[in-house]
Structures are given as C-alpha cells and as structure tokens.
C-alpha cells in the first residue's frame, strides 16, 4: 500500500487508512477504477 500511496494511486486519511481517490472511481456498483492508462475491475465475478 505504501507503494500505491507514493505513486498517488491511493490516499491516506488522518487515521492511517488508505482510500481510493473519488476521481478515480468510475463505477461504484461495478467497482471500476480508471487510472488513465488502465482500468481496474475489483471484485468482479468471473463466469465459470
């Protein structure tokens, strides 16, 4: 997480918890993050 924070991909609050910056979250329901050169899909179920 320290590496992601140092690259600016996540933020850290006063309590020391990491969070995704609001501007990076494209779809909260589908858990899609947009970092410009890549889209990350978090927790999207795969078809078996």
PDB file of N, CA and C in Angstrom:
ATOM      1  N   UNK A   1       0.815  -1.180   0.000  1.00  0.00           N
ATOM      2  CA  UNK A   1       0.000   0.000   0.000  1.00  0.00           C
ATOM      3  C   UNK A   1       0.868   1.256   0.000  1.00  0.00           C
ATOM      4  N   UNK A   2       2.038   1.170   0.617  1.00  0.00           N
ATOM      5  CA  UNK A   2       2.924   2.329   0.634  1.00  0.00           C
ATOM      6  C   UNK A   2       3.345   2.713  -0.778  1.00  0.00           C
ATOM      7  N   UNK A   3       3.575   1.718  -1.609  1.00  0.00           N
ATOM      8  CA  UNK A   3       3.985   1.987  -2.993  1.00  0.00           C
ATOM      9  C   UNK A   3       2.843   2.658  -3.750  1.00  0.00           C
ATOM     10  N   UNK A   4       1.619   2.158  -3.587  1.00  0.00           N
ATOM     11  CA  UNK A   4       0.471   2.763  -4.246  1.00  0.00           C
ATOM     12  C   UNK A   4       0.272   4.203  -3.772  1.00  0.00           C
ATOM     13  N   UNK A   5       0.488   4.445  -2.490  1.00  0.00           N
ATOM     14  CA  UNK A   5       0.348   5.795  -1.938  1.00  0.00           C
ATOM     15  C   UNK A   5       1.437   6.716  -2.485  1.00  0.00           C
ATOM     16  N   UNK A   6       2.653   6.234  -2.558  1.00  0.00           N
ATOM     17  CA  UNK A   6       3.744   7.075  -3.062  1.00  0.00           C
ATOM     18  C   UNK A   6       3.573   7.406  -4.546  1.00  0.00           C
ATOM     19  N   UNK A   7       2.866   6.552  -5.278  1.00  0.00           N
ATOM     20  CA  UNK A   7       2.590   6.800  -6.698  1.00  0.00           C
ATOM     21  C   UNK A   7       1.337   7.650  -6.903  1.00  0.00           C
ATOM     22  N   UNK A   8       0.601   7.917  -5.842  1.00  0.00           N
ATOM     23  CA  UNK A   8      -0.610   8.724  -5.937  1.00  0.00           C
ATOM     24  C   UNK A   8      -1.848   7.949  -6.344  1.00  0.00           C
ATOM     25  N   UNK A   9      -1.790   6.621  -6.291  1.00  0.00           N
ATOM     26  CA  UNK A   9      -2.937   5.804  -6.685  1.00  0.00           C
ATOM     27  C   UNK A   9      -3.964   5.661  -5.574  1.00  0.00           C
ATOM     28  N   UNK A  10      -3.555   5.850  -4.329  1.00  0.00           N
ATOM     29  CA  UNK A  10      -4.475   5.841  -3.186  1.00  0.00           C
ATOM     30  C   UNK A  10      -4.123   7.015  -2.277  1.00  0.00           C
ATOM     31  N   UNK A  11      -5.072   7.398  -1.431  1.00  0.00           N
ATOM     32  CA  UNK A  11      -4.825   8.458  -0.459  1.00  0.00           C
ATOM     33  C   UNK A  11      -4.842   7.853   0.940  1.00  0.00           C
ATOM     34  N   UNK A  12      -4.352   8.608   1.884  1.00  0.00           N
ATOM     35  CA  UNK A  12      -4.298   8.146   3.265  1.00  0.00           C
ATOM     36  C   UNK A  12      -4.963   9.204   4.146  1.00  0.00           C
ATOM     37  N   UNK A  13      -5.896   8.792   5.017  1.00  0.00           N
ATOM     38  CA  UNK A  13      -6.574   9.762   5.876  1.00  0.00           C
ATOM     39  C   UNK A  13      -5.831   9.929   7.196  1.00  0.00           C
ATOM     40  N   UNK A  14      -6.403  10.738   8.080  1.00  0.00           N
ATOM     41  CA  UNK A  14      -5.750  11.017   9.371  1.00  0.00           C
ATOM     42  C   UNK A  14      -5.556   9.779  10.231  1.00  0.00           C
ATOM     43  N   UNK A  15      -6.462   8.813  10.080  1.00  0.00           N
ATOM     44  CA  UNK A  15      -6.380   7.586  10.870  1.00  0.00           C
ATOM     45  C   UNK A  15      -5.390   6.583  10.304  1.00  0.00           C
ATOM     46  N   UNK A  16      -4.802   6.895   9.146  1.00  0.00           N
ATOM     47  CA  UNK A  16      -3.845   5.990   8.536  1.00  0.00           C
ATOM     48  C   UNK A  16      -4.469   4.961   7.620  1.00  0.00           C
ATOM     49  N   UNK A  17      -5.765   5.100   7.338  1.00  0.00           N
ATOM     50  CA  UNK A  17      -6.438   4.163   6.441  1.00  0.00           C
ATOM     51  C   UNK A  17      -6.289   4.641   5.001  1.00  0.00           C
ATOM     52  N   UNK A  18      -6.108   3.688   4.104  1.00  0.00           N
ATOM     53  CA  UNK A  18      -5.965   4.006   2.691  1.00  0.00           C
ATOM     54  C   UNK A  18      -7.332   4.028   2.019  1.00  0.00           C
ATOM     55  N   UNK A  19      -7.473   4.908   1.024  1.00  0.00           N
ATOM     56  CA  UNK A  19      -8.735   5.021   0.300  1.00  0.00           C
ATOM     57  C   UNK A  19      -8.453   5.334  -1.163  1.00  0.00           C
ATOM     58  N   UNK A  20      -9.415   5.012  -2.004  1.00  0.00           N
ATOM     59  CA  UNK A  20      -9.324   5.313  -3.422  1.00  0.00           C
ATOM     60  C   UNK A  20      -9.783   6.753  -3.622  1.00  0.00           C
ATOM     61  N   UNK A  21      -8.996   7.568  -4.343  1.00  0.00           N
ATOM     62  CA  UNK A  21      -9.436   8.946  -4.590  1.00  0.00           C
ATOM     63  C   UNK A  21     -10.761   8.968  -5.352  1.00  0.00           C
ATOM     64  N   UNK A  22     -11.695   9.851  -4.980  1.00  0.00           N
ATOM     65  CA  UNK A  22     -13.021   9.870  -5.606  1.00  0.00           C
ATOM     66  C   UNK A  22     -12.994  10.035  -7.133  1.00  0.00           C
ATOM     67  N   UNK A  23     -12.049  10.768  -7.667  1.00  0.00           N
ATOM     68  CA  UNK A  23     -11.973  10.978  -9.105  1.00  0.00           C
ATOM     69  C   UNK A  23     -11.593   9.742  -9.891  1.00  0.00           C
ATOM     70  N   UNK A  24     -11.035   8.747  -9.235  1.00  0.00           N
ATOM     71  CA  UNK A  24     -10.584   7.534  -9.910  1.00  0.00           C
ATOM     72  C   UNK A  24     -11.678   6.480 -10.007  1.00  0.00           C
ATOM     73  N   UNK A  25     -12.729   6.607  -9.208  1.00  0.00           N
ATOM     74  CA  UNK A  25     -13.788   5.611  -9.158  1.00  0.00           C
ATOM     75  C   UNK A  25     -14.821   5.903 -10.240  1.00  0.00           C
ATOM     76  N   UNK A  26     -14.836   5.082 -11.278  1.00  0.00           N
ATOM     77  CA  UNK A  26     -15.750   5.279 -12.404  1.00  0.00           C
ATOM     78  C   UNK A  26     -17.133   4.765 -12.075  1.00  0.00           C
ATOM     79  N   UNK A  27     -17.209   3.529 -11.597  1.00  0.00           N
ATOM     80  CA  UNK A  27     -18.492   2.912 -11.288  1.00  0.00           C
ATOM     81  C   UNK A  27     -18.406   2.242  -9.924  1.00  0.00           C
ATOM     82  N   UNK A  28     -19.127   2.795  -8.967  1.00  0.00           N
ATOM     83  CA  UNK A  28     -19.104   2.235  -7.616  1.00  0.00           C
ATOM     84  C   UNK A  28     -19.768   0.868  -7.569  1.00  0.00           C
ATOM     85  N   UNK A  29     -20.860   0.691  -8.347  1.00  0.00           N
ATOM     86  CA  UNK A  29     -21.586  -0.578  -8.345  1.00  0.00           C
ATOM     87  C   UNK A  29     -20.744  -1.702  -8.951  1.00  0.00           C
ATOM     88  N   UNK A  30     -20.013  -1.386 -10.030  1.00  0.00           N
ATOM     89  CA  UNK A  30     -19.216  -2.409 -10.711  1.00  0.00           C
ATOM     90  C   UNK A  30     -17.774  -2.446 -10.217  1.00  0.00           C
ATOM     91  N   UNK A  31     -17.424  -1.540  -9.313  1.00  0.00           N
ATOM     92  CA  UNK A  31     -16.069  -1.449  -8.742  1.00  0.00           C
ATOM     93  C   UNK A  31     -15.005  -1.291  -9.824  1.00  0.00           C
ATOM     94  N   UNK A  32     -15.163  -0.268 -10.654  1.00  0.00           N
ATOM     95  CA  UNK A  32     -14.212   0.003 -11.730  1.00  0.00           C
ATOM     96  C   UNK A  32     -13.445   1.279 -11.407  1.00  0.00           C
ATOM     97  N   UNK A  33     -12.120   1.192 -11.462  1.00  0.00           N
ATOM     98  CA  UNK A  33     -11.249   2.338 -11.233  1.00  0.00           C
ATOM     99  C   UNK A  33     -10.572   2.711 -12.540  1.00  0.00           C
ATOM    100  N   UNK A  34     -10.441   4.014 -12.795  1.00  0.00           N
ATOM    101  CA  UNK A  34      -9.800   4.487 -14.016  1.00  0.00           C
ATOM    102  C   UNK A  34      -8.552   5.272 -13.651  1.00  0.00           C
ATOM    103  N   UNK A  35      -7.395   4.744 -14.012  1.00  0.00           N
ATOM    104  CA  UNK A  35      -6.134   5.422 -13.755  1.00  0.00           C
ATOM    105  C   UNK A  35      -5.501   5.949 -15.039  1.00  0.00           C
ATOM    106  N   UNK A  36      -6.302   6.199 -16.060  1.00  0.00           N
ATOM    107  CA  UNK A  36      -5.809   6.791 -17.295  1.00  0.00           C
ATOM    108  C   UNK A  36      -5.288   5.769 -18.281  1.00  0.00           C
ATOM    109  N   UNK A  37      -4.234   5.060 -17.916  1.00  0.00           N
ATOM    110  CA  UNK A  37      -3.664   4.072 -18.840  1.00  0.00           C
ATOM    111  C   UNK A  37      -4.213   2.675 -18.610  1.00  0.00           C
ATOM    112  N   UNK A  38      -4.979   2.497 -17.528  1.00  0.00           N
ATOM    113  CA  UNK A  38      -5.577   1.177 -17.292  1.00  0.00           C
ATOM    114  C   UNK A  38      -6.864   1.314 -16.490  1.00  0.00           C
ATOM    115  N   UNK A  39      -7.751   0.369 -16.704  1.00  0.00           N
ATOM    116  CA  UNK A  39      -8.972   0.256 -15.902  1.00  0.00           C
ATOM    117  C   UNK A  39      -8.812  -0.949 -14.987  1.00  0.00           C
ATOM    118  N   UNK A  40      -9.093  -0.777 -13.721  1.00  0.00           N
ATOM    119  CA  UNK A  40      -9.023  -1.881 -12.776  1.00  0.00           C
ATOM    120  C   UNK A  40     -10.433  -2.283 -12.397  1.00  0.00           C
ATOM    121  N   UNK A  41     -10.734  -3.553 -12.499  1.00  0.00           N
ATOM    122  CA  UNK A  41     -12.033  -4.080 -12.096  1.00  0.00           C
ATOM    123  C   UNK A  41     -11.820  -4.892 -10.822  1.00  0.00           C
ATOM    124  N   UNK A  42     -12.310  -4.373  -9.715  1.00  0.00           N
ATOM    125  CA  UNK A  42     -12.100  -5.010  -8.419  1.00  0.00           C
ATOM    126  C   UNK A  42     -13.303  -5.830  -8.015  1.00  0.00           C
ATOM    127  N   UNK A  43     -13.092  -7.078  -7.733  1.00  0.00           N
ATOM    128  CA  UNK A  43     -14.138  -7.931  -7.206  1.00  0.00           C
ATOM    129  C   UNK A  43     -15.229  -8.277  -8.182  1.00  0.00           C
ATOM    130  N   UNK A  44     -14.970  -8.163  -9.474  1.00  0.00           N
ATOM    131  CA  UNK A  44     -15.975  -8.526 -10.466  1.00  0.00           C
ATOM    132  C   UNK A  44     -15.952 -10.047 -10.628  1.00  0.00           C
ATOM    133  N   UNK A  45     -17.083 -10.707 -10.406  1.00  0.00           N
ATOM    134  CA  UNK A  45     -17.098 -12.169 -10.509  1.00  0.00           C
ATOM    135  C   UNK A  45     -16.826 -12.629 -11.945  1.00  0.00           C
ATOM    136  N   UNK A  46     -16.124 -13.729 -12.045  1.00  0.00           N
ATOM    137  CA  UNK A  46     -15.845 -14.320 -13.358  1.00  0.00           C
ATOM    138  C   UNK A  46     -16.831 -15.435 -13.638  1.00  0.00           C
ATOM    139  N   UNK A  47     -17.098 -15.663 -14.896  1.00  0.00           N
ATOM    140  CA  UNK A  47     -18.008 -16.736 -15.263  1.00  0.00           C
ATOM    141  C   UNK A  47     -17.275 -18.073 -15.221  1.00  0.00           C
ATOM    142  N   UNK A  48     -17.915 -19.074 -14.647  1.00  0.00           N
ATOM    143  CA  UNK A  48     -17.281 -20.388 -14.510  1.00  0.00           C
ATOM    144  C   UNK A  48     -17.581 -21.261 -15.713  1.00  0.00           C
TER     145      UNK A  48
END
